[in-house]
C-alpha atoms as a PDB file:
ATOM      1  CA  MET A   1      12.324 -13.611 -14.383  1.00  0.00           C
ATOM      2  CA  ARG A   2      10.227 -15.699 -11.976  1.00  0.00           C
ATOM      3  CA  ILE A   3       8.862 -13.469  -9.221  1.00  0.00           C
ATOM      4  CA  LEU A   4       6.655 -14.466  -6.288  1.00  0.00           C
ATOM      5  CA  ILE A   5       4.251 -11.917  -4.812  1.00  0.00           C
ATOM      6  CA  THR A   6       2.818 -12.618  -1.373  1.00  0.00           C
ATOM      7  CA  GLY A   7      -0.533 -10.889  -0.987  1.00  0.00           C
ATOM      8  CA  GLY A   8      -0.795 -10.718  -4.768  1.00  0.00           C
ATOM      9  CA  LYS A   9      -4.614 -10.756  -4.793  1.00  0.00           C
ATOM     10  CA  GLY A  10      -4.772  -7.548  -2.744  1.00  0.00           C
ATOM     11  CA  VAL A  11      -5.050  -3.926  -3.816  1.00  0.00           C
ATOM     12  CA  ILE A  12      -1.333  -3.246  -4.204  1.00  0.00           C
ATOM     13  CA  GLY A  13      -0.358  -6.813  -5.086  1.00  0.00           C
ATOM     14  CA  SER A  14      -2.797  -7.029  -7.981  1.00  0.00           C
ATOM     15  CA  PHE A  15      -1.349  -3.887  -9.575  1.00  0.00           C
ATOM     16  CA  VAL A  16       2.202  -5.083  -9.000  1.00  0.00           C
ATOM     17  CA  ALA A  17       1.375  -8.387 -10.691  1.00  0.00           C
ATOM     18  CA  ARG A  18      -0.201  -6.556 -13.605  1.00  0.00           C
ATOM     19  CA  TYR A  19       2.684  -4.118 -14.030  1.00  0.00           C
ATOM     20  CA  MET A  20       5.413  -6.757 -13.853  1.00  0.00           C
ATOM     21  CA  LEU A  21       3.573  -9.127 -16.161  1.00  0.00           C
ATOM     22  CA  GLU A  22       3.293  -6.332 -18.723  1.00  0.00           C
ATOM     23  CA  HIS A  23       7.046  -5.817 -18.445  1.00  0.00           C
ATOM     24  CA  GLY A  24       7.982  -9.420 -19.127  1.00  0.00           C
ATOM     25  CA  ASP A  25       8.266 -11.084 -15.713  1.00  0.00           C
ATOM     26  CA  ASP A  26       6.723 -14.468 -14.856  1.00  0.00           C
ATOM     27  CA  ILE A  27       4.435 -13.976 -11.847  1.00  0.00           C
ATOM     28  CA  ILE A  28       3.473 -16.365  -9.060  1.00  0.00           C
ATOM     29  CA  VAL A  29       0.780 -14.945  -6.771  1.00  0.00           C
ATOM     30  CA  TYR A  30       0.869 -16.472  -3.275  1.00  0.00           C
ATOM     31  CA  ASP A  31      -2.245 -15.497  -1.335  1.00  0.00           C
ATOM     32  CA  PRO A  32      -4.951 -17.439   0.567  1.00  0.00           C
ATOM     33  CA  MET A  33      -7.723 -14.934  -0.172  1.00  0.00           C
ATOM     34  CA  PRO A  34     -10.565 -16.571  -2.157  1.00  0.00           C
ATOM     35  CA  ASP A  35     -11.548 -13.319  -3.893  1.00  0.00           C
ATOM     36  CA  THR A  36      -9.658 -12.986  -7.188  1.00  0.00           C
ATOM     37  CA  SER A  37     -11.700 -10.082  -8.581  1.00  0.00           C
ATOM     38  CA  LEU A  38      -8.729  -7.694  -8.691  1.00  0.00           C
ATOM     39  CA  ILE A  39      -6.679 -10.115 -10.811  1.00  0.00           C
ATOM     40  CA  ALA A  40      -9.554 -11.595 -12.826  1.00  0.00           C
ATOM     41  CA  ASP A  41      -8.062 -10.450 -16.137  1.00  0.00           C
ATOM     42  CA  LEU A  42      -4.646 -11.967 -15.277  1.00  0.00           C
ATOM     43  CA  LEU A  43      -5.615 -15.489 -14.231  1.00  0.00           C
ATOM     44  CA  GLU A  44      -4.742 -17.071 -17.589  1.00  0.00           C
ATOM     45  CA  HIS A  45      -1.295 -15.487 -17.563  1.00  0.00           C
ATOM     46  CA  ILE A  46      -0.019 -16.008 -14.002  1.00  0.00           C
ATOM     47  CA  THR A  47       0.385 -18.843 -11.512  1.00  0.00           C
ATOM     48  CA  VAL A  48      -1.835 -18.578  -8.435  1.00  0.00           C
ATOM     49  CA  VAL A  49      -1.099 -20.471  -5.229  1.00  0.00           C
ATOM     50  CA  ASP A  50      -3.656 -20.247  -2.414  1.00  0.00           C
ATOM     51  CA  GLY A  51      -0.912 -20.072   0.198  1.00  0.00           C
ATOM     52  CA  ASP A  52      -0.517 -18.459   3.608  1.00  0.00           C
ATOM     53  CA  VAL A  53       2.792 -16.855   4.659  1.00  0.00           C
ATOM     54  CA  LEU A  54       2.426 -18.711   7.973  1.00  0.00           C
ATOM     55  CA  ASP A  55       2.769 -22.006   6.063  1.00  0.00           C
ATOM     56  CA  LEU A  56       6.554 -22.164   5.684  1.00  0.00           C
ATOM     57  CA  PRO A  57       6.681 -25.652   4.069  1.00  0.00           C
ATOM     58  CA  LEU A  58       4.200 -24.606   1.346  1.00  0.00           C
ATOM     59  CA  LEU A  59       6.037 -21.326   0.836  1.00  0.00           C
ATOM     60  CA  LEU A  60       9.358 -23.158   0.410  1.00  0.00           C
ATOM     61  CA  ASN A  61       7.827 -25.708  -1.923  1.00  0.00           C
ATOM     62  CA  THR A  62       6.240 -22.971  -4.040  1.00  0.00           C
ATOM     63  CA  ILE A  63       9.538 -21.104  -4.390  1.00  0.00           C
ATOM     64  CA  LYS A  64      11.484 -24.251  -5.291  1.00  0.00           C
ATOM     65  CA  LEU A  65       8.870 -25.697  -7.644  1.00  0.00           C
ATOM     66  CA  ASN A  66       8.531 -22.457  -9.592  1.00  0.00           C
ATOM     67  CA  LYS A  67      12.262 -21.631  -9.486  1.00  0.00           C
ATOM     68  CA  VAL A  68      11.504 -18.204  -8.026  1.00  0.00           C
ATOM     69  CA  ARG A  69      14.406 -15.750  -8.176  1.00  0.00           C
ATOM     70  CA  LYS A  70      12.930 -12.738  -6.390  1.00  0.00           C
ATOM     71  CA  ILE A  71      10.209 -12.307  -3.752  1.00  0.00           C
ATOM     72  CA  LEU A  72       7.939  -9.316  -3.179  1.00  0.00           C
ATOM     73  CA  HIS A  73       6.454  -9.566   0.304  1.00  0.00           C
ATOM     74  CA  LEU A  74       3.193  -7.603   0.422  1.00  0.00           C
ATOM     75  CA  ALA A  75       0.990  -9.890   2.539  1.00  0.00           C
ATOM     76  CA  ALA A  76      -0.182  -8.270   5.774  1.00  0.00           C
ATOM     77  CA  LEU A  77      -3.129  -7.816   8.089  1.00  0.00           C
ATOM     78  CA  ILE A  78      -4.221  -4.202   7.608  1.00  0.00           C
ATOM     79  CA  VAL A  79      -4.393  -1.466  10.241  1.00  0.00           C
ATOM     80  CA  PRO A  80      -7.871  -1.879  11.826  1.00  0.00           C
ATOM     81  CA  ALA A  81      -7.795  -5.685  11.763  1.00  0.00           C
ATOM     82  CA  ALA A  82      -4.364  -5.770  13.410  1.00  0.00           C
ATOM     83  CA  GLN A  83      -5.483  -3.271  16.059  1.00  0.00           C
ATOM     84  CA  ILE A  84      -8.596  -5.267  16.904  1.00  0.00           C
ATOM     85  CA  ASN A  85      -6.630  -8.518  17.168  1.00  0.00           C
ATOM     86  CA  PRO A  86      -2.992  -7.690  18.053  1.00  0.00           C
ATOM     87  CA  TYR A  87      -1.993 -11.336  18.440  1.00  0.00           C
ATOM     88  CA  ARG A  88      -3.199 -12.197  14.964  1.00  0.00           C
ATOM     89  CA  GLY A  89      -1.730  -8.974  13.595  1.00  0.00           C
ATOM     90  CA  PHE A  90       1.725  -9.754  14.949  1.00  0.00           C
ATOM     91  CA  GLN A  91       1.463 -13.372  13.870  1.00  0.00           C
ATOM     92  CA  VAL A  92       0.584 -12.576  10.251  1.00  0.00           C
ATOM     93  CA  ASN A  93       2.703  -9.461   9.796  1.00  0.00           C
ATOM     94  CA  ALA A  94       5.839 -10.198  11.841  1.00  0.00           C
ATOM     95  CA  LEU A  95       6.011 -13.992  11.950  1.00  0.00           C
ATOM     96  CA  GLY A  96       4.837 -14.066   8.338  1.00  0.00           C
ATOM     97  CA  THR A  97       7.781 -11.859   7.421  1.00  0.00           C
ATOM     98  CA  MET A  98      10.108 -14.174   9.331  1.00  0.00           C
ATOM     99  CA  ASN A  99       8.869 -17.091   7.234  1.00  0.00           C
ATOM    100  CA  VAL A 100       9.448 -15.128   4.043  1.00  0.00           C
ATOM    101  CA  LEU A 101      12.959 -14.200   5.207  1.00  0.00           C
ATOM    102  CA  GLU A 102      13.762 -17.818   6.028  1.00  0.00           C
ATOM    103  CA  ALA A 103      12.348 -19.058   2.749  1.00  0.00           C
ATOM    104  CA  SER A 104      14.388 -16.453   0.867  1.00  0.00           C
ATOM    105  CA  ARG A 105      17.547 -17.466   2.712  1.00  0.00           C
ATOM    106  CA  ILE A 106      17.076 -21.223   2.296  1.00  0.00           C
ATOM    107  CA  THR A 107      16.343 -20.943  -1.429  1.00  0.00           C
ATOM    108  CA  ASN A 108      19.022 -18.321  -2.121  1.00  0.00           C
ATOM    109  CA  CYS A 109      16.619 -15.845  -3.695  1.00  0.00           C
ATOM    110  CA  GLU A 110      18.366 -12.959  -5.395  1.00  0.00           C
ATOM    111  CA  ARG A 111      16.338 -10.171  -3.783  1.00  0.00           C
ATOM    112  CA  LEU A 112      13.512  -9.674  -1.316  1.00  0.00           C
ATOM    113  CA  VAL A 113      11.408  -6.505  -1.454  1.00  0.00           C
ATOM    114  CA  PHE A 114       9.545  -5.894   1.802  1.00  0.00           C
ATOM    115  CA  THR A 115       6.665  -3.432   1.778  1.00  0.00           C
ATOM    116  CA  SER A 116       6.586  -1.430   4.987  1.00  0.00           C
ATOM    117  CA  SER A 117       4.711   1.723   5.900  1.00  0.00           C
ATOM    118  CA  LYS A 118       4.972   5.241   7.255  1.00  0.00           C
ATOM    119  CA  ALA A 119       3.232   3.691  10.289  1.00  0.00           C
ATOM    120  CA  VAL A 120       6.725   2.819  11.599  1.00  0.00           C
ATOM    121  CA  TYR A 121       7.305   6.517  12.309  1.00  0.00           C
ATOM    122  CA  ASP A 122       6.570   8.397  15.510  1.00  0.00           C
ATOM    123  CA  GLU A 123       3.623  10.787  15.640  1.00  0.00           C
ATOM    124  CA  ILE A 124       4.286  13.644  13.258  1.00  0.00           C
ATOM    125  CA  GLY A 125       5.156  16.910  14.959  1.00  0.00           C
ATOM    126  CA  GLY A 126       6.900  20.249  14.640  1.00  0.00           C
ATOM    127  CA  ALA A 127       7.467  21.619  11.149  1.00  0.00           C
ATOM    128  CA  HIS A 128       6.410  18.259   9.653  1.00  0.00           C
ATOM    129  CA  ALA A 129       2.845  18.595  10.974  1.00  0.00           C
ATOM    130  CA  HIS A 130      -0.030  20.918  10.059  1.00  0.00           C
ATOM    131  CA  PRO A 131       0.140  23.576   8.715  1.00  0.00           C
ATOM    132  CA  THR A 132       3.689  23.459   7.298  1.00  0.00           C
ATOM    133  CA  TYR A 133       4.094  19.761   6.351  1.00  0.00           C
ATOM    134  CA  ALA A 134       7.862  19.721   5.857  1.00  0.00           C
ATOM    135  CA  PRO A 135       8.552  16.343   4.180  1.00  0.00           C
ATOM    136  CA  ILE A 136       9.790  13.537   6.445  1.00  0.00           C
ATOM    137  CA  THR A 137      12.885  11.574   5.473  1.00  0.00           C
ATOM    138  CA  GLU A 138      13.716   7.941   6.162  1.00  0.00           C
ATOM    139  CA  GLU A 139      15.574   9.105   9.307  1.00  0.00           C
ATOM    140  CA  TYR A 140      12.449  10.429  11.012  1.00  0.00           C
ATOM    141  CA  PRO A 141      12.147   8.839  14.509  1.00  0.00           C
ATOM    142  CA  LYS A 142      10.623   5.368  14.588  1.00  0.00           C
ATOM    143  CA  ASN A 143       8.116   4.871  17.424  1.00  0.00           C
ATOM    144  CA  PRO A 144       4.937   3.209  16.117  1.00  0.00           C
ATOM    145  CA  VAL A 145       1.669   4.230  17.735  1.00  0.00           C
ATOM    146  CA  ASN A 146      -0.431   1.298  16.497  1.00  0.00           C
ATOM    147  CA  VAL A 147      -0.110  -2.475  16.212  1.00  0.00           C
ATOM    148  CA  TYR A 148       0.306  -2.408  12.451  1.00  0.00           C
ATOM    149  CA  GLY A 149       3.255  -0.006  12.708  1.00  0.00           C
ATOM    150  CA  ALA A 150       4.847  -2.107  15.456  1.00  0.00           C
ATOM    151  CA  THR A 151       4.653  -5.236  13.299  1.00  0.00           C
ATOM    152  CA  LYS A 152       6.143  -3.430  10.333  1.00  0.00           C
ATOM    153  CA  LEU A 153       9.022  -2.030  12.376  1.00  0.00           C
ATOM    154  CA  ALA A 154       9.715  -5.455  13.909  1.00  0.00           C
ATOM    155  CA  SER A 155       9.802  -6.870  10.392  1.00  0.00           C
ATOM    156  CA  GLU A 156      12.203  -4.147   9.244  1.00  0.00           C
ATOM    157  CA  HIS A 157      14.554  -4.949  12.131  1.00  0.00           C
ATOM    158  CA  MET A 158      14.550  -8.623  11.168  1.00  0.00           C
ATOM    159  CA  CYS A 159      15.267  -7.691   7.564  1.00  0.00           C
ATOM    160  CA  PHE A 160      18.362  -5.844   8.737  1.00  0.00           C
ATOM    161  CA  ASN A 161      19.388  -8.823  10.844  1.00  0.00           C
ATOM    162  CA  TYR A 162      19.186 -11.083   7.789  1.00  0.00           C
ATOM    163  CA  ILE A 163      21.170  -8.554   5.788  1.00  0.00           C
ATOM    164  CA  GLY A 164      23.853  -8.505   8.487  1.00  0.00           C
ATOM    165  CA  ASN A 165      23.886 -12.231   9.260  1.00  0.00           C
ATOM    166  CA  TYR A 166      23.570 -13.652   5.759  1.00  0.00           C
ATOM    167  CA  GLY A 167      24.382 -10.843   3.349  1.00  0.00           C
ATOM    168  CA  MET A 168      20.896 -11.009   1.849  1.00  0.00           C
ATOM    169  CA  ASP A 169      19.781  -8.445  -0.714  1.00  0.00           C
ATOM    170  CA  ILE A 170      16.698  -6.806   0.812  1.00  0.00           C
ATOM    171  CA  VAL A 171      14.936  -3.576  -0.128  1.00  0.00           C
ATOM    172  CA  ILE A 172      12.403  -1.993   2.261  1.00  0.00           C
ATOM    173  CA  LEU A 173       9.763   0.418   0.949  1.00  0.00           C
ATOM    174  CA  ARG A 174       7.803   2.632   3.349  1.00  0.00           C
ATOM    175  CA  PHE A 175       4.530   3.712   1.762  1.00  0.00           C
ATOM    176  CA  SER A 176       2.446   6.799   2.349  1.00  0.00           C
ATOM    177  CA  SER A 177      -1.339   6.500   2.362  1.00  0.00           C
ATOM    178  CA  LEU A 178      -2.681   5.359  -0.979  1.00  0.00           C
ATOM    179  CA  TYR A 179      -5.860   5.400  -3.013  1.00  0.00           C
ATOM    180  CA  GLY A 180      -7.097   3.363  -5.935  1.00  0.00           C
ATOM    181  CA  PRO A 181      -9.631   0.810  -7.143  1.00  0.00           C
ATOM    182  CA  GLY A 182     -10.231  -2.003  -4.707  1.00  0.00           C
ATOM    183  CA  ARG A 183      -9.449   0.008  -1.585  1.00  0.00           C
ATOM    184  CA  LEU A 184     -13.112   0.446  -0.690  1.00  0.00           C
ATOM    185  CA  LEU A 185     -13.884  -3.165  -1.595  1.00  0.00           C
ATOM    186  CA  ARG A 186     -11.127  -4.503   0.670  1.00  0.00           C
ATOM    187  CA  HIS A 187     -10.593  -1.802   3.319  1.00  0.00           C
ATOM    188  CA  GLY A 188     -14.065  -0.344   3.784  1.00  0.00           C
ATOM    189  CA  GLY A 189     -14.965   3.136   4.937  1.00  0.00           C
ATOM    190  CA  LEU A 190     -11.430   3.996   6.087  1.00  0.00           C
ATOM    191  CA  ALA A 191     -10.665   4.644   2.403  1.00  0.00           C
ATOM    192  CA  MET A 192     -12.231   8.109   2.596  1.00  0.00           C
ATOM    193  CA  HIS A 193     -11.069   9.282  -0.838  1.00  0.00           C
ATOM    194  CA  SER A 194     -12.703   6.200  -2.344  1.00  0.00           C
ATOM    195  CA  VAL A 195     -15.892   6.882  -0.397  1.00  0.00           C
ATOM    196  CA  ILE A 196     -16.106  10.379  -1.899  1.00  0.00           C
ATOM    197  CA  LEU A 197     -15.561   9.111  -5.446  1.00  0.00           C
ATOM    198  CA  GLU A 198     -17.626   5.938  -5.419  1.00  0.00           C
ATOM    199  CA  ASN A 199     -20.620   7.510  -3.669  1.00  0.00           C
ATOM    200  CA  ALA A 200     -20.569  10.271  -6.292  1.00  0.00           C
ATOM    201  CA  MET A 201     -20.438   7.676  -9.077  1.00  0.00           C
ATOM    202  CA  LEU A 202     -23.625   6.179  -7.629  1.00  0.00           C
ATOM    203  CA  GLY A 203     -25.330   9.552  -7.168  1.00  0.00           C
ATOM    204  CA  GLN A 204     -25.224   9.128  -3.383  1.00  0.00           C
ATOM    205  CA  PRO A 205     -24.366  11.923  -0.924  1.00  0.00           C
ATOM    206  CA  VAL A 206     -21.185  12.256   1.095  1.00  0.00           C
ATOM    207  CA  ARG A 207     -21.353  14.160   4.375  1.00  0.00           C
ATOM    208  CA  ILE A 208     -18.155  14.092   6.408  1.00  0.00           C
ATOM    209  CA  PRO A 209     -18.476  16.201   9.561  1.00  0.00           C
ATOM    210  CA  SER A 210     -14.775  17.058  10.028  1.00  0.00           C
ATOM    211  CA  GLY A 211     -11.236  16.684   8.728  1.00  0.00           C
ATOM    212  CA  GLY A 212     -11.367  18.865   5.652  1.00  0.00           C
ATOM    213  CA  ASP A 213      -8.239  20.859   6.541  1.00  0.00           C
ATOM    214  CA  GLN A 214      -5.982  17.840   6.991  1.00  0.00           C
ATOM    215  CA  ARG A 215      -3.317  17.317   4.332  1.00  0.00           C
ATOM    216  CA  GLU A 216      -1.998  13.843   3.655  1.00  0.00           C
ATOM    217  CA  ASP A 217       0.412  12.332   1.154  1.00  0.00           C
ATOM    218  CA  MET A 218      -1.939  10.245  -1.000  1.00  0.00           C
ATOM    219  CA  THR A 219      -0.263   8.099  -3.649  1.00  0.00           C
ATOM    220  CA  TYR A 220      -2.118   6.410  -6.489  1.00  0.00           C
ATOM    221  CA  VAL A 221      -1.795   2.628  -6.351  1.00  0.00           C
ATOM    222  CA  ARG A 222      -0.249   2.373  -9.829  1.00  0.00           C
ATOM    223  CA  ASP A 223       2.614   4.642  -8.741  1.00  0.00           C
ATOM    224  CA  VAL A 224       3.135   2.375  -5.723  1.00  0.00           C
ATOM    225  CA  ALA A 225       3.156  -0.702  -7.967  1.00  0.00           C
ATOM    226  CA  ARG A 226       5.749   0.854 -10.241  1.00  0.00           C
ATOM    227  CA  ALA A 227       7.922   1.736  -7.242  1.00  0.00           C
ATOM    228  CA  ILE A 228       7.892  -1.925  -6.187  1.00  0.00           C
ATOM    229  CA  ALA A 229       8.828  -3.008  -9.701  1.00  0.00           C
ATOM    230  CA  LEU A 230      11.703  -0.520  -9.759  1.00  0.00           C
ATOM    231  CA  ALA A 231      12.918  -1.776  -6.377  1.00  0.00           C
ATOM    232  CA  THR A 232      12.786  -5.344  -7.688  1.00  0.00           C
ATOM    233  CA  HIS A 233      15.249  -4.718 -10.493  1.00  0.00           C
ATOM    234  CA  ALA A 234      17.298  -1.675  -9.395  1.00  0.00           C
ATOM    235  CA  GLU A 235      21.054  -2.204  -9.182  1.00  0.00           C
ATOM    236  CA  ASN A 236      23.912  -0.630  -7.205  1.00  0.00           C
ATOM    237  CA  LEU A 237      21.685   0.700  -4.436  1.00  0.00           C
ATOM    238  CA  GLY A 238      23.272   2.779  -1.707  1.00  0.00           C
ATOM    239  CA  HIS A 239      20.490   2.233   0.843  1.00  0.00           C
ATOM    240  CA  HIS A 240      18.062  -0.466   1.911  1.00  0.00           C
ATOM    241  CA  VAL A 241      15.116   1.755   2.944  1.00  0.00           C
ATOM    242  CA  PHE A 242      13.098   4.121   0.761  1.00  0.00           C
ATOM    243  CA  ASN A 243      10.080   6.353   1.330  1.00  0.00           C
ATOM    244  CA  ILE A 244       7.483   5.964  -1.416  1.00  0.00           C
ATOM    245  CA  GLY A 245       4.812   8.625  -1.767  1.00  0.00           C
ATOM    246  CA  SER A 246       3.589  11.426  -3.985  1.00  0.00           C
ATOM    247  CA  GLY A 247       5.753  14.069  -2.296  1.00  0.00           C
ATOM    248  CA  ARG A 248       2.781  16.389  -1.794  1.00  0.00           C
ATOM    249  CA  GLY A 249      -0.177  16.763   0.536  1.00  0.00           C
ATOM    250  CA  VAL A 250      -3.839  16.802  -0.487  1.00  0.00           C
ATOM    251  CA  THR A 251      -7.055  17.278   1.471  1.00  0.00           C
ATOM    252  CA  LEU A 252     -10.486  15.701   1.228  1.00  0.00           C
ATOM    253  CA  HIS A 253     -11.576  19.048  -0.246  1.00  0.00           C
ATOM    254  CA  ASP A 254      -9.031  18.574  -3.064  1.00  0.00           C
ATOM    255  CA  THR A 255     -10.486  15.154  -3.822  1.00  0.00           C
ATOM    256  CA  ALA A 256     -14.021  16.523  -3.687  1.00  0.00           C
ATOM    257  CA  GLU A 257     -13.104  19.308  -6.117  1.00  0.00           C
ATOM    258  CA  VAL A 258     -11.840  16.795  -8.687  1.00  0.00           C
ATOM    259  CA  VAL A 259     -14.868  14.546  -8.207  1.00  0.00           C
ATOM    260  CA  ARG A 260     -17.258  17.486  -8.689  1.00  0.00           C
ATOM    261  CA  ARG A 261     -15.588  18.303 -12.008  1.00  0.00           C
ATOM    262  CA  LEU A 262     -16.227  14.747 -13.163  1.00  0.00           C
ATOM    263  CA  TYR A 263     -19.681  14.433 -11.549  1.00  0.00           C
ATOM    264  CA  PRO A 264     -21.182  17.953 -11.414  1.00  0.00           C
ATOM    265  CA  ASN A 265     -24.260  16.788  -9.485  1.00  0.00           C
ATOM    266  CA  ALA A 266     -22.219  15.176  -6.715  1.00  0.00           C
ATOM    267  CA  GLU A 267     -23.444  16.119  -3.241  1.00  0.00           C
ATOM    268  CA  ILE A 268     -20.349  16.370  -1.055  1.00  0.00           C
ATOM    269  CA  GLN A 269     -20.117  18.153   2.298  1.00  0.00           C
ATOM    270  CA  ILE A 270     -16.899  18.113   4.318  1.00  0.00           C
ATOM    271  CA  GLY A 271     -16.476  19.892   7.641  1.00  0.00           C
ATOM    272  CA  PRO A 272     -13.324  21.674   8.866  1.00  0.00           C
ATOM    273  CA  GLY A 273     -10.586  20.400  11.160  1.00  0.00           C
ATOM    274  CA  LEU A 274      -7.844  17.786  11.180  1.00  0.00           C
ATOM    275  CA  ASP A 275      -7.569  13.984  11.478  1.00  0.00           C
ATOM    276  CA  CYS A 276      -9.600  13.221   8.363  1.00  0.00           C
ATOM    277  CA  PHE A 277      -9.356   9.450   8.953  1.00  0.00           C
ATOM    278  CA  GLN A 278     -10.504   9.897  12.592  1.00  0.00           C
ATOM    279  CA  VAL A 279      -7.729   7.726  14.030  1.00  0.00           C
ATOM    280  CA  GLY A 280      -7.019   9.863  17.096  1.00  0.00           C
ATOM    281  CA  TYR A 281      -3.305  10.485  16.504  1.00  0.00           C
ATOM    282  CA  ASN A 282      -1.202  12.322  13.957  1.00  0.00           C
ATOM    283  CA  LEU A 283       0.505  10.197  11.315  1.00  0.00           C
ATOM    284  CA  TYR A 284      -0.405  12.639   8.548  1.00  0.00           C
ATOM    285  CA  ALA A 285       2.687  13.710   6.644  1.00  0.00           C
ATOM    286  CA  VAL A 286       4.265  14.420   3.301  1.00  0.00           C
ATOM    287  CA  MET A 287       6.989  11.949   2.363  1.00  0.00           C
ATOM    288  CA  ASP A 288      10.456  13.018   1.257  1.00  0.00           C
ATOM    289  CA  ILE A 289      10.991  10.794  -1.791  1.00  0.00           C
ATOM    290  CA  SER A 290      14.329  12.213  -2.944  1.00  0.00           C
ATOM    291  CA  ARG A 291      16.225   9.007  -2.079  1.00  0.00           C
ATOM    292  CA  ALA A 292      13.811   6.888  -4.129  1.00  0.00           C
ATOM    293  CA  ARG A 293      14.135   9.327  -7.018  1.00  0.00           C
ATOM    294  CA  ALA A 294      17.917   9.198  -6.942  1.00  0.00           C
ATOM    295  CA  GLU A 295      18.466   5.462  -6.464  1.00  0.00           C
ATOM    296  CA  LEU A 296      15.343   3.720  -7.774  1.00  0.00           C
ATOM    297  CA  GLY A 297      14.468   6.145 -10.532  1.00  0.00           C
ATOM    298  CA  TYR A 298      11.037   6.554  -8.933  1.00  0.00           C
ATOM    299  CA  GLN A 299       8.915   9.511  -9.944  1.00  0.00           C
ATOM    300  CA  PRO A 300       5.152   9.698  -9.325  1.00  0.00           C
ATOM    301  CA  GLU A 301       3.274   9.816 -12.623  1.00  0.00           C
ATOM    302  CA  PHE A 302      -0.272  10.405 -11.397  1.00  0.00           C
ATOM    303  CA  GLU A 303      -1.556  13.735 -10.176  1.00  0.00           C
ATOM    304  CA  LEU A 304      -4.751  13.574  -8.131  1.00  0.00           C
ATOM    305  CA  GLU A 305      -7.048  14.182 -11.103  1.00  0.00           C
ATOM    306  CA  THR A 306      -5.295  11.755 -13.474  1.00  0.00           C
ATOM    307  CA  GLY A 307      -5.264   9.156 -10.702  1.00  0.00           C
ATOM    308  CA  ILE A 308      -8.998   9.502 -10.079  1.00  0.00           C
ATOM    309  CA  LYS A 309      -9.751   9.274 -13.804  1.00  0.00           C
ATOM    310  CA  ASP A 310      -7.637   6.133 -14.072  1.00  0.00           C
ATOM    311  CA  TYR A 311      -9.385   4.733 -10.983  1.00  0.00           C
ATOM    312  CA  ILE A 312     -12.786   5.135 -12.688  1.00  0.00           C
ATOM    313  CA  ALA A 313     -11.550   3.579 -15.929  1.00  0.00           C
ATOM    314  CA  PHE A 314     -10.052   0.616 -14.107  1.00  0.00           C
ATOM    315  CA  LEU A 315     -13.262  -0.190 -12.238  1.00  0.00           C
ATOM    316  CA  ASP A 316     -14.978  -0.290 -15.617  1.00  0.00           C
ATOM    317  CA  ARG A 317     -12.215  -2.439 -17.115  1.00  0.00           C
ATOM    318  CA  LEU A 318     -12.623  -5.130 -14.464  1.00  0.00           C
ATOM    319  CA  GLY A 319     -16.387  -4.842 -14.293  1.00  0.00           C
ATOM    320  CA  ILE A 320     -16.284  -3.850 -10.632  1.00  0.00           C
ATOM    321  CA  GLY A 321     -19.120  -1.518  -9.740  1.00  0.00           C
ATOM    322  CA  PRO A 322     -18.702   1.353  -7.280  1.00  0.00           C
ATOM    323  CA  LEU A 323     -19.768   0.685  -3.688  1.00  0.00           C
ATOM    324  CA  PHE A 324     -22.052   2.844  -1.581  1.00  0.00           C
ATOM    325  CA  THR A 325     -20.794   3.792   1.878  1.00  0.00           C
ATOM    326  CA  PRO A 326     -23.200   5.562   4.257  1.00  0.00           C
ATOM    327  CA  THR A 327     -21.346   8.511   5.746  1.00  0.00           C
ATOM    328  CA  GLU A 328     -21.864   9.630   9.324  1.00  0.00           C
ATOM    329  CA  GLU A 329     -24.571  12.214   8.852  1.00  0.00           C
ATOM    330  CA  ALA A 330     -26.115  10.502   5.809  1.00  0.00           C
ATOM    331  CA  ALA A 331     -26.698   7.359   7.878  1.00  0.00           C
ATOM    332  CA  GLU A 332     -28.739   9.180  10.525  1.00  0.00           C
END
C-alpha cells in the first residue's frame, strides 16, 4: 500500500517509515528537512519529497503522482520552537494540518492518521498527579497550557469537522512523552533521558539539580511507531481518538539506574523534587492505554531497560555518535 508520511525524516517519522517498509508498505516521505541521517539506511527503498505541509499544491501533486492511499501526518513544530514563535507554530501545526485534511479530502485518501499529544490536556491534578498518578483517559479535560498543545487541539477539532462534514476516516493518536535515538540530535537538552544516556556513553558527567522524584509516562519511539502502523491498518474502530503511551511512570532516577548498569563508571547526580523537564507547569501523567489495547491491538513491547539497549544499538547501526550536553552544574 502506498503511504505518505509528513515529517518522515524526524524522530518518530523515521521509525514509522522503517517499520512500515519492513511490513510491506510503499513509503513516501514528505519533509523539507535537509538532514536525512535518521533515514540514511532507507533512502534506496523509499521515495523522498522535500515538501512542506504549507505547500498545498505540492502536497496534492505528491499524493496524486504516487497514488497515495493513506496519509500519516506527523509534521509539526515542536514544543519550544512553537512557544518561542506562536505565529509560526500555529501556521505549521494547525494550518499545516488543514492542508493535509484538504489534500486527503480532494484525493479521496482511505485514511488519515493524525499524531496529536497529551499536550491537549489540562494541567494534571488530583489523583492523576504526584504521588498517585492515576492514569488519564481520553476524556480528561482539554485545556492546553502551551502553544503546541493549542495547535494540536485546534487540529483535532478540525479533524472532527472533516469527519462530520465529509465522512472521512481519521484516527487521532495522543502521545505521551517519548525517548529514543535522534531525540537529542533534533530536540536538544529537553530530551533529559537522552542526556543521561548519551553523556554516560561519552564518559561525561550528568548533574541535574532537581526533578528526580517526578514520574512521567516515557514511551520508546519504536513502540510509538508501531502504534501508528496499527492505527493505519486497523479496521472496525469504535473511536477516533487513542492515548498512546507505556502505561507506567518512570523517573530520571530509574533511567540513571539502567544507565549505570550498562556504564558502571557513569557519573550521574540528580536532585529531588518535581518538574524534571523544568517547564513550570504539570503535564506529567501516566496514560490510560486500554482503548488502544482493545481496538488497535497496541501493547508496549519495550521496558525501560530494553528500550535503552535498543537505543544504543540503533545509534551504532546508523553510525550516529552520542552527543554531549553540558548539564546545569557541569557547565559552571
